[in-house]
Amino acid sequence: MYKYKFGVLGAGNMGSAIVKSAVDNDIFEKDRIIVFDSDAQKSAALQLKTACCAEEVIRNAEILLLSFKPQNLSGFASDLDKGGLQIADNQTIVSIMAGISTAKIRRYIKGGYSIIRIMPNLPMTVGAGVSAIFMGNADKTVSADIEKLFAATGEVFLVKEEQLDIFTALSGSGPGYILEFADYLISAAIENGIPPADAKRLALATIYGSAQLSIKTEENPADLRDKVTSKGGTTEQAIKVFRKANMRKIVSDAVTAAINKAKELGK
C-alpha cells in the first residue's frame, strides 16, 4: 500500500493541468497526491504535498505521472540508477512524453511496472483538450481512473500504441498549426487596417465559431465550406489562392513531418 495514489514528476503547464483536473473532479483525494518539479515554485503553486526530490515520489506513489520533457528521460533514468531505485511491479507509469514509446521507456527505466502512454494537447489546460490514450497492460482500476481524469479535460480516444504518432502529429501538435493560421489571419487583418486587438478577436472568434458550427451541426467541414463559398464571391477567390499554392499538400507534408519526428523520438 502506497502512501500516495498519484505522484507527479513535472509540474509544467500540462502536469499542472492534469493535477488540477484530478483535484477538481475528485479523481484522487488531495492528500493522496504528491508533486515534484525541479522548479520548487511550480510544485508549491499547486498547493499539494510537495516532494523534496523525485525519489520521494517514486518510493511513495502507486501511479507515477512522467510529465517532463522527452529529452529529460535519459537524465531521469540515470538518476534512478545512481540512487539504486527501481519502479516496482505494482506501480504504473503514466507517460505524456511525446514520441517516447513504451519500449524506449523500458530500455531506460528498469522494472516490471505497467505503462500507460498518453498524448494530450495544450487546450486541455482550459478543458478543451484532446487526449489519445494507450492503456497497455495497466490494471483495470488504474485505467478507469486515468480515462476519467483525462475525460474531464476534453475528448479522449483509446488507441493502439502504433496510432499514437499520428495523434501526436494531429491533436498534439495540431493547436500549433491552427494558431499559426490564426496568426496569418491576424497579420492580414492588421495589414488591411484593422487595429491589432480587434484583429486578434476577429480571427479567433471566426476560428472558434467555425469549429462550433461543424461540431453542433455534425456536418462535414468540407460541406460547410461549400455553403460559405458562393460562386464568384469573396470566399471562392481566397480558396483559389489556397488551392493554387496546393495548401492541401502543404498540410499533408507538415503532418507527415511531425509523424516522422514522433517516430524518430520513439527509437
C-alpha atoms as a PDB file:
ATOM      1  CA  MET A   1       0.000   0.000   0.000  1.00  0.00           C
ATOM      2  CA  TYR A   2       1.439   3.316  -1.078  1.00  0.00           C
ATOM      3  CA  LYS A   3       1.007   6.491   0.947  1.00  0.00           C
ATOM      4  CA  TYR A   4       0.056   8.408  -2.218  1.00  0.00           C
ATOM      5  CA  LYS A   5      -2.142   7.284  -5.091  1.00  0.00           C
ATOM      6  CA  PHE A   6      -0.825   9.774  -7.653  1.00  0.00           C
ATOM      7  CA  GLY A   7       2.743  11.020  -7.928  1.00  0.00           C
ATOM      8  CA  VAL A   8       3.581  13.793 -10.373  1.00  0.00           C
ATOM      9  CA  LEU A   9       7.067  14.267 -11.772  1.00  0.00           C
ATOM     10  CA  GLY A  10       7.000  17.581 -13.622  1.00  0.00           C
ATOM     11  CA  ALA A  11       4.623  20.442 -12.803  1.00  0.00           C
ATOM     12  CA  GLY A  12       4.754  22.454 -16.022  1.00  0.00           C
ATOM     13  CA  ASN A  13       1.673  23.535 -17.968  1.00  0.00           C
ATOM     14  CA  MET A  14       0.499  20.012 -18.773  1.00  0.00           C
ATOM     15  CA  GLY A  15       1.429  18.410 -15.469  1.00  0.00           C
ATOM     16  CA  SER A  16      -0.287  21.191 -13.539  1.00  0.00           C
ATOM     17  CA  ALA A  17      -3.436  20.945 -15.673  1.00  0.00           C
ATOM     18  CA  ILE A  18      -3.624  17.194 -15.074  1.00  0.00           C
ATOM     19  CA  VAL A  19      -3.204  17.633 -11.319  1.00  0.00           C
ATOM     20  CA  LYS A  20      -5.885  20.338 -11.210  1.00  0.00           C
ATOM     21  CA  SER A  21      -8.262  18.066 -13.109  1.00  0.00           C
ATOM     22  CA  ALA A  22      -7.559  15.240 -10.654  1.00  0.00           C
ATOM     23  CA  VAL A  23      -8.410  17.506  -7.709  1.00  0.00           C
ATOM     24  CA  ASP A  24     -11.330  19.429  -9.238  1.00  0.00           C
ATOM     25  CA  ASN A  25     -13.057  16.260 -10.424  1.00  0.00           C
ATOM     26  CA  ASP A  26     -12.366  14.198  -7.293  1.00  0.00           C
ATOM     27  CA  ILE A  27     -10.404  11.577  -9.221  1.00  0.00           C
ATOM     28  CA  PHE A  28      -7.818  11.380  -6.437  1.00  0.00           C
ATOM     29  CA  GLU A  29      -8.055  12.855  -2.957  1.00  0.00           C
ATOM     30  CA  LYS A  30      -5.832  15.892  -2.414  1.00  0.00           C
ATOM     31  CA  ASP A  31      -3.959  14.266   0.443  1.00  0.00           C
ATOM     32  CA  ARG A  32      -3.103  11.312  -1.804  1.00  0.00           C
ATOM     33  CA  ILE A  33      -1.287  13.385  -4.452  1.00  0.00           C
ATOM     34  CA  ILE A  34       2.402  14.232  -4.248  1.00  0.00           C
ATOM     35  CA  VAL A  35       4.242  16.512  -6.675  1.00  0.00           C
ATOM     36  CA  PHE A  36       7.877  17.144  -7.574  1.00  0.00           C
ATOM     37  CA  ASP A  37       9.360  19.633 -10.015  1.00  0.00           C
ATOM     38  CA  SER A  38      12.946  20.841 -10.192  1.00  0.00           C
ATOM     39  CA  ASP A  39      11.422  24.330 -10.012  1.00  0.00           C
ATOM     40  CA  ALA A  40      10.080  24.325  -6.443  1.00  0.00           C
ATOM     41  CA  GLN A  41       7.795  27.298  -7.157  1.00  0.00           C
ATOM     42  CA  LYS A  42       5.854  25.273  -9.736  1.00  0.00           C
ATOM     43  CA  SER A  43       5.291  22.453  -7.259  1.00  0.00           C
ATOM     44  CA  ALA A  44       4.309  24.833  -4.477  1.00  0.00           C
ATOM     45  CA  ALA A  45       1.812  26.638  -6.725  1.00  0.00           C
ATOM     46  CA  LEU A  46      -0.391  23.528  -6.794  1.00  0.00           C
ATOM     47  CA  GLN A  47      -0.839  23.686  -3.010  1.00  0.00           C
ATOM     48  CA  LEU A  48      -0.461  19.948  -2.566  1.00  0.00           C
ATOM     49  CA  LYS A  49       2.144  17.773  -0.876  1.00  0.00           C
ATOM     50  CA  THR A  50       5.486  18.786  -2.370  1.00  0.00           C
ATOM     51  CA  ALA A  51       8.254  16.199  -2.540  1.00  0.00           C
ATOM     52  CA  CYS A  52      11.857  17.092  -1.780  1.00  0.00           C
ATOM     53  CA  CYS A  53      13.056  15.028  -4.730  1.00  0.00           C
ATOM     54  CA  ALA A  54      11.920  12.591  -7.417  1.00  0.00           C
ATOM     55  CA  GLU A  55      12.970   9.677  -5.201  1.00  0.00           C
ATOM     56  CA  GLU A  56      10.345  10.608  -2.594  1.00  0.00           C
ATOM     57  CA  VAL A  57       7.625  10.434  -5.259  1.00  0.00           C
ATOM     58  CA  ILE A  58       8.837   7.128  -6.698  1.00  0.00           C
ATOM     59  CA  ARG A  59       9.069   5.422  -3.313  1.00  0.00           C
ATOM     60  CA  ASN A  60       5.653   6.577  -2.127  1.00  0.00           C
ATOM     61  CA  ALA A  61       3.199   6.775  -5.070  1.00  0.00           C
ATOM     62  CA  GLU A  62       1.336   3.995  -6.844  1.00  0.00           C
ATOM     63  CA  ILE A  63       0.767   5.886 -10.125  1.00  0.00           C
ATOM     64  CA  LEU A  64       3.686   7.925 -11.462  1.00  0.00           C
ATOM     65  CA  LEU A  65       2.930  10.667 -13.984  1.00  0.00           C
ATOM     66  CA  LEU A  66       6.003  11.449 -16.093  1.00  0.00           C
ATOM     67  CA  SER A  67       5.185  14.941 -17.310  1.00  0.00           C
ATOM     68  CA  PHE A  68       8.675  16.242 -18.001  1.00  0.00           C
ATOM     69  CA  LYS A  69      10.186  16.877 -21.438  1.00  0.00           C
ATOM     70  CA  PRO A  70      11.176  13.806 -23.537  1.00  0.00           C
ATOM     71  CA  GLN A  71      14.800  14.927 -23.679  1.00  0.00           C
ATOM     72  CA  ASN A  72      14.974  14.616 -19.882  1.00  0.00           C
ATOM     73  CA  LEU A  73      14.170  10.887 -19.859  1.00  0.00           C
ATOM     74  CA  SER A  74      17.792   9.718 -20.007  1.00  0.00           C
ATOM     75  CA  GLY A  75      18.806  12.017 -17.143  1.00  0.00           C
ATOM     76  CA  PHE A  76      15.836  10.845 -15.064  1.00  0.00           C
ATOM     77  CA  ALA A  77      16.739   7.196 -15.679  1.00  0.00           C
ATOM     78  CA  SER A  78      20.383   7.881 -14.837  1.00  0.00           C
ATOM     79  CA  ASP A  79      19.346   9.424 -11.515  1.00  0.00           C
ATOM     80  CA  LEU A  80      17.262   6.309 -10.752  1.00  0.00           C
ATOM     81  CA  ASP A  81      20.250   4.052 -11.418  1.00  0.00           C
ATOM     82  CA  LYS A  82      22.595   6.182  -9.334  1.00  0.00           C
ATOM     83  CA  GLY A  83      20.144   6.091  -6.436  1.00  0.00           C
ATOM     84  CA  GLY A  84      19.599   2.349  -6.750  1.00  0.00           C
ATOM     85  CA  LEU A  85      15.892   2.944  -7.364  1.00  0.00           C
ATOM     86  CA  GLN A  86      13.626   0.610  -9.314  1.00  0.00           C
ATOM     87  CA  ILE A  87       9.974   1.137 -10.099  1.00  0.00           C
ATOM     88  CA  ALA A  88       8.021  -1.775  -8.643  1.00  0.00           C
ATOM     89  CA  ASP A  89       5.802  -4.279 -10.440  1.00  0.00           C
ATOM     90  CA  ASN A  90       2.698  -2.875  -8.697  1.00  0.00           C
ATOM     91  CA  GLN A  91       3.375   0.678  -9.828  1.00  0.00           C
ATOM     92  CA  THR A  92       2.125   2.277 -13.050  1.00  0.00           C
ATOM     93  CA  ILE A  93       3.959   4.838 -15.152  1.00  0.00           C
ATOM     94  CA  VAL A  94       1.714   7.305 -16.975  1.00  0.00           C
ATOM     95  CA  SER A  95       3.834   9.000 -19.618  1.00  0.00           C
ATOM     96  CA  ILE A  96       2.812  12.105 -21.556  1.00  0.00           C
ATOM     97  CA  MET A  97       6.231  12.420 -23.221  1.00  0.00           C
ATOM     98  CA  ALA A  98       5.653  12.992 -26.928  1.00  0.00           C
ATOM     99  CA  GLY A  99       7.019  10.262 -29.174  1.00  0.00           C
ATOM    100  CA  ILE A 100       8.574   8.180 -26.407  1.00  0.00           C
ATOM    101  CA  SER A 101       7.463   4.574 -26.898  1.00  0.00           C
ATOM    102  CA  THR A 102       6.837   2.091 -24.107  1.00  0.00           C
ATOM    103  CA  ALA A 103       9.794   0.072 -25.418  1.00  0.00           C
ATOM    104  CA  LYS A 104      12.077   3.089 -25.086  1.00  0.00           C
ATOM    105  CA  ILE A 105      10.819   3.821 -21.573  1.00  0.00           C
ATOM    106  CA  ARG A 106      11.558   0.221 -20.580  1.00  0.00           C
ATOM    107  CA  ARG A 107      15.050   0.442 -22.081  1.00  0.00           C
ATOM    108  CA  TYR A 108      15.789   3.407 -19.841  1.00  0.00           C
ATOM    109  CA  ILE A 109      13.810   2.507 -16.711  1.00  0.00           C
ATOM    110  CA  LYS A 110      14.187  -0.977 -15.285  1.00  0.00           C
ATOM    111  CA  GLY A 111      11.321  -2.827 -13.586  1.00  0.00           C
ATOM    112  CA  GLY A 112       8.151  -4.821 -14.229  1.00  0.00           C
ATOM    113  CA  TYR A 113       5.781  -1.855 -13.850  1.00  0.00           C
ATOM    114  CA  SER A 114       2.820  -1.144 -16.133  1.00  0.00           C
ATOM    115  CA  ILE A 115       2.853   1.736 -18.621  1.00  0.00           C
ATOM    116  CA  ILE A 116       0.061   3.969 -19.881  1.00  0.00           C
ATOM    117  CA  ARG A 117       1.049   6.329 -22.705  1.00  0.00           C
ATOM    118  CA  ILE A 118      -0.954   9.469 -23.335  1.00  0.00           C
ATOM    119  CA  MET A 119      -0.742  12.211 -25.939  1.00  0.00           C
ATOM    120  CA  PRO A 120      -2.674  15.184 -24.565  1.00  0.00           C
ATOM    121  CA  ASN A 121      -2.637  18.687 -26.013  1.00  0.00           C
ATOM    122  CA  LEU A 122      -2.362  22.173 -24.579  1.00  0.00           C
ATOM    123  CA  PRO A 123      -6.093  23.081 -24.832  1.00  0.00           C
ATOM    124  CA  MET A 124      -6.641  20.598 -22.006  1.00  0.00           C
ATOM    125  CA  THR A 125      -5.490  23.410 -19.704  1.00  0.00           C
ATOM    126  CA  VAL A 126      -8.817  25.147 -20.438  1.00  0.00           C
ATOM    127  CA  GLY A 127     -10.945  21.983 -20.508  1.00  0.00           C
ATOM    128  CA  ALA A 128     -10.977  21.722 -24.301  1.00  0.00           C
ATOM    129  CA  GLY A 129      -8.256  19.180 -24.860  1.00  0.00           C
ATOM    130  CA  VAL A 130      -7.849  16.019 -26.893  1.00  0.00           C
ATOM    131  CA  SER A 131      -6.029  13.062 -25.319  1.00  0.00           C
ATOM    132  CA  ALA A 132      -5.090   9.831 -27.068  1.00  0.00           C
ATOM    133  CA  ILE A 133      -4.523   7.040 -24.529  1.00  0.00           C
ATOM    134  CA  PHE A 134      -2.799   3.681 -24.901  1.00  0.00           C
ATOM    135  CA  MET A 135      -3.620   1.712 -21.753  1.00  0.00           C
ATOM    136  CA  GLY A 136      -1.089  -1.051 -22.316  1.00  0.00           C
ATOM    137  CA  ASN A 137      -1.204  -3.723 -19.607  1.00  0.00           C
ATOM    138  CA  ALA A 138      -2.356  -1.406 -16.826  1.00  0.00           C
ATOM    139  CA  ASP A 139      -4.696  -2.563 -14.080  1.00  0.00           C
ATOM    140  CA  LYS A 140      -8.391  -2.028 -14.918  1.00  0.00           C
ATOM    141  CA  THR A 141      -8.999   0.197 -11.896  1.00  0.00           C
ATOM    142  CA  VAL A 142      -5.993   2.378 -12.695  1.00  0.00           C
ATOM    143  CA  SER A 143      -7.013   2.522 -16.379  1.00  0.00           C
ATOM    144  CA  ALA A 144     -10.530   3.619 -15.425  1.00  0.00           C
ATOM    145  CA  ASP A 145      -9.196   6.371 -13.141  1.00  0.00           C
ATOM    146  CA  ILE A 146      -6.827   7.652 -15.836  1.00  0.00           C
ATOM    147  CA  GLU A 147      -9.530   7.655 -18.506  1.00  0.00           C
ATOM    148  CA  LYS A 148     -11.860   9.557 -16.165  1.00  0.00           C
ATOM    149  CA  LEU A 149      -9.085  12.012 -15.306  1.00  0.00           C
ATOM    150  CA  PHE A 150      -8.363  12.918 -18.932  1.00  0.00           C
ATOM    151  CA  ALA A 151     -12.022  12.852 -19.983  1.00  0.00           C
ATOM    152  CA  ALA A 152     -12.527  15.705 -17.527  1.00  0.00           C
ATOM    153  CA  THR A 153     -10.103  17.812 -19.617  1.00  0.00           C
ATOM    154  CA  GLY A 154     -11.763  17.236 -23.012  1.00  0.00           C
ATOM    155  CA  GLU A 155     -12.095  14.478 -25.604  1.00  0.00           C
ATOM    156  CA  VAL A 156     -10.487  11.060 -25.074  1.00  0.00           C
ATOM    157  CA  PHE A 157      -9.541   8.484 -27.723  1.00  0.00           C
ATOM    158  CA  LEU A 158      -8.469   4.984 -26.621  1.00  0.00           C
ATOM    159  CA  VAL A 159      -5.903   3.855 -29.184  1.00  0.00           C
ATOM    160  CA  LYS A 160      -3.260   1.270 -30.024  1.00  0.00           C
ATOM    161  CA  GLU A 161       0.296   2.365 -29.364  1.00  0.00           C
ATOM    162  CA  GLU A 162       1.175   2.418 -33.064  1.00  0.00           C
ATOM    163  CA  GLN A 163      -1.548   5.060 -33.577  1.00  0.00           C
ATOM    164  CA  LEU A 164      -0.024   7.493 -31.089  1.00  0.00           C
ATOM    165  CA  ASP A 165       2.402   9.013 -33.580  1.00  0.00           C
ATOM    166  CA  ILE A 166      -0.438  10.183 -35.848  1.00  0.00           C
ATOM    167  CA  PHE A 167      -2.350  11.527 -32.834  1.00  0.00           C
ATOM    168  CA  THR A 168       0.823  13.307 -31.750  1.00  0.00           C
ATOM    169  CA  ALA A 169       1.063  14.940 -35.172  1.00  0.00           C
ATOM    170  CA  LEU A 170      -2.646  15.820 -35.405  1.00  0.00           C
ATOM    171  CA  SER A 171      -4.031  16.609 -31.967  1.00  0.00           C
ATOM    172  CA  GLY A 172      -0.798  17.003 -30.017  1.00  0.00           C
ATOM    173  CA  SER A 173       0.836  19.392 -32.474  1.00  0.00           C
ATOM    174  CA  GLY A 174      -2.414  20.474 -34.128  1.00  0.00           C
ATOM    175  CA  PRO A 175      -3.071  23.501 -31.896  1.00  0.00           C
ATOM    176  CA  GLY A 176       0.239  24.868 -33.153  1.00  0.00           C
ATOM    177  CA  TYR A 177      -0.961  24.597 -36.757  1.00  0.00           C
ATOM    178  CA  ILE A 178      -4.302  26.246 -36.001  1.00  0.00           C
ATOM    179  CA  LEU A 179      -2.649  29.055 -34.051  1.00  0.00           C
ATOM    180  CA  GLU A 180      -0.109  29.542 -36.837  1.00  0.00           C
ATOM    181  CA  PHE A 181      -3.005  30.033 -39.263  1.00  0.00           C
ATOM    182  CA  ALA A 182      -4.705  32.336 -36.757  1.00  0.00           C
ATOM    183  CA  ASP A 183      -1.533  34.434 -36.701  1.00  0.00           C
ATOM    184  CA  TYR A 184      -1.685  34.702 -40.515  1.00  0.00           C
ATOM    185  CA  LEU A 185      -5.295  35.907 -40.326  1.00  0.00           C
ATOM    186  CA  ILE A 186      -4.416  38.447 -37.644  1.00  0.00           C
ATOM    187  CA  SER A 187      -1.497  39.774 -39.709  1.00  0.00           C
ATOM    188  CA  ALA A 188      -3.687  40.046 -42.815  1.00  0.00           C
ATOM    189  CA  ALA A 189      -6.334  41.952 -40.860  1.00  0.00           C
ATOM    190  CA  ILE A 190      -3.757  44.370 -39.462  1.00  0.00           C
ATOM    191  CA  GLU A 191      -2.245  44.893 -42.923  1.00  0.00           C
ATOM    192  CA  ASN A 192      -5.699  45.897 -44.110  1.00  0.00           C
ATOM    193  CA  GLY A 193      -6.307  48.465 -41.396  1.00  0.00           C
ATOM    194  CA  ILE A 194      -7.905  46.545 -38.514  1.00  0.00           C
ATOM    195  CA  PRO A 195      -6.458  47.508 -35.074  1.00  0.00           C
ATOM    196  CA  PRO A 196      -4.339  44.655 -33.588  1.00  0.00           C
ATOM    197  CA  ALA A 197      -6.654  43.923 -30.647  1.00  0.00           C
ATOM    198  CA  ASP A 198      -9.691  43.759 -32.927  1.00  0.00           C
ATOM    199  CA  ALA A 199      -7.751  41.673 -35.465  1.00  0.00           C
ATOM    200  CA  LYS A 200      -6.941  39.082 -32.806  1.00  0.00           C
ATOM    201  CA  ARG A 201     -10.525  38.943 -31.523  1.00  0.00           C
ATOM    202  CA  LEU A 202     -11.891  38.727 -35.072  1.00  0.00           C
ATOM    203  CA  ALA A 203      -9.574  35.884 -36.130  1.00  0.00           C
ATOM    204  CA  LEU A 204     -10.017  33.778 -33.007  1.00  0.00           C
ATOM    205  CA  ALA A 205     -13.789  34.248 -32.879  1.00  0.00           C
ATOM    206  CA  THR A 206     -14.013  33.199 -36.536  1.00  0.00           C
ATOM    207  CA  ILE A 207     -11.974  30.020 -35.928  1.00  0.00           C
ATOM    208  CA  TYR A 208     -13.920  29.188 -32.762  1.00  0.00           C
ATOM    209  CA  GLY A 209     -17.287  29.814 -34.416  1.00  0.00           C
ATOM    210  CA  SER A 210     -16.402  27.718 -37.455  1.00  0.00           C
ATOM    211  CA  ALA A 211     -15.366  24.763 -35.262  1.00  0.00           C
ATOM    212  CA  GLN A 212     -18.531  25.093 -33.174  1.00  0.00           C
ATOM    213  CA  LEU A 213     -20.664  25.213 -36.325  1.00  0.00           C
ATOM    214  CA  SER A 214     -19.261  21.903 -37.565  1.00  0.00           C
ATOM    215  CA  ILE A 215     -19.468  20.278 -34.119  1.00  0.00           C
ATOM    216  CA  LYS A 216     -23.028  21.345 -33.355  1.00  0.00           C
ATOM    217  CA  THR A 217     -24.489  20.719 -36.813  1.00  0.00           C
ATOM    218  CA  GLU A 218     -22.449  17.498 -37.197  1.00  0.00           C
ATOM    219  CA  GLU A 219     -21.842  18.494 -40.788  1.00  0.00           C
ATOM    220  CA  ASN A 220     -18.592  17.750 -42.567  1.00  0.00           C
ATOM    221  CA  PRO A 221     -16.268  20.797 -42.631  1.00  0.00           C
ATOM    222  CA  ALA A 222     -15.933  20.485 -46.421  1.00  0.00           C
ATOM    223  CA  ASP A 223     -19.726  20.622 -46.831  1.00  0.00           C
ATOM    224  CA  LEU A 224     -19.958  23.703 -44.623  1.00  0.00           C
ATOM    225  CA  ARG A 225     -17.135  25.309 -46.580  1.00  0.00           C
ATOM    226  CA  ASP A 226     -19.141  24.810 -49.756  1.00  0.00           C
ATOM    227  CA  LYS A 227     -22.137  26.506 -48.125  1.00  0.00           C
ATOM    228  CA  VAL A 228     -19.984  29.550 -47.325  1.00  0.00           C
ATOM    229  CA  THR A 229     -18.422  29.620 -50.791  1.00  0.00           C
ATOM    230  CA  SER A 230     -20.693  31.421 -53.225  1.00  0.00           C
ATOM    231  CA  LYS A 231     -19.768  31.152 -56.914  1.00  0.00           C
ATOM    232  CA  GLY A 232     -17.883  34.282 -57.942  1.00  0.00           C
ATOM    233  CA  GLY A 233     -17.751  35.514 -54.327  1.00  0.00           C
ATOM    234  CA  THR A 234     -15.003  36.581 -51.934  1.00  0.00           C
ATOM    235  CA  THR A 235     -14.541  33.188 -50.257  1.00  0.00           C
ATOM    236  CA  GLU A 236     -14.103  31.497 -53.623  1.00  0.00           C
ATOM    237  CA  GLN A 237     -11.371  33.961 -54.573  1.00  0.00           C
ATOM    238  CA  ALA A 238      -9.441  33.276 -51.348  1.00  0.00           C
ATOM    239  CA  ILE A 239      -9.808  29.497 -51.668  1.00  0.00           C
ATOM    240  CA  LYS A 240      -8.495  29.685 -55.231  1.00  0.00           C
ATOM    241  CA  VAL A 241      -5.300  31.188 -53.788  1.00  0.00           C
ATOM    242  CA  PHE A 242      -5.034  28.357 -51.248  1.00  0.00           C
ATOM    243  CA  ARG A 243      -5.518  25.750 -53.952  1.00  0.00           C
ATOM    244  CA  LYS A 244      -3.048  27.364 -56.342  1.00  0.00           C
ATOM    245  CA  ALA A 245      -0.460  27.108 -53.557  1.00  0.00           C
ATOM    246  CA  ASN A 246      -1.503  23.441 -53.084  1.00  0.00           C
ATOM    247  CA  MET A 247      -2.346  24.062 -49.439  1.00  0.00           C
ATOM    248  CA  ARG A 248      -3.739  20.533 -49.002  1.00  0.00           C
ATOM    249  CA  LYS A 249      -0.331  19.065 -49.867  1.00  0.00           C
ATOM    250  CA  ILE A 250       1.446  21.600 -47.651  1.00  0.00           C
ATOM    251  CA  VAL A 251      -0.670  20.498 -44.688  1.00  0.00           C
ATOM    252  CA  SER A 252      -0.237  16.810 -45.547  1.00  0.00           C
ATOM    253  CA  ASP A 253       3.539  17.235 -45.774  1.00  0.00           C
ATOM    254  CA  ALA A 254       3.597  19.129 -42.472  1.00  0.00           C
ATOM    255  CA  VAL A 255       1.655  16.383 -40.679  1.00  0.00           C
ATOM    256  CA  THR A 256       3.889  13.708 -42.212  1.00  0.00           C
ATOM    257  CA  ALA A 257       6.975  15.603 -40.999  1.00  0.00           C
ATOM    258  CA  ALA A 258       5.525  15.666 -37.476  1.00  0.00           C
ATOM    259  CA  ILE A 259       4.709  11.933 -37.615  1.00  0.00           C
ATOM    260  CA  ASN A 260       8.255  11.141 -38.743  1.00  0.00           C
ATOM    261  CA  LYS A 261       9.682  13.234 -35.918  1.00  0.00           C
ATOM    262  CA  ALA A 262       7.485  11.406 -33.397  1.00  0.00           C
ATOM    263  CA  LYS A 263       8.733   8.061 -34.737  1.00  0.00           C
ATOM    264  CA  GLU A 264      12.330   9.287 -34.533  1.00  0.00           C
ATOM    265  CA  LEU A 265      11.866  10.275 -30.880  1.00  0.00           C
ATOM    266  CA  GLY A 266      10.488   6.823 -30.085  1.00  0.00           C
ATOM    267  CA  LYS A 267      13.544   4.904 -31.319  1.00  0.00           C
END
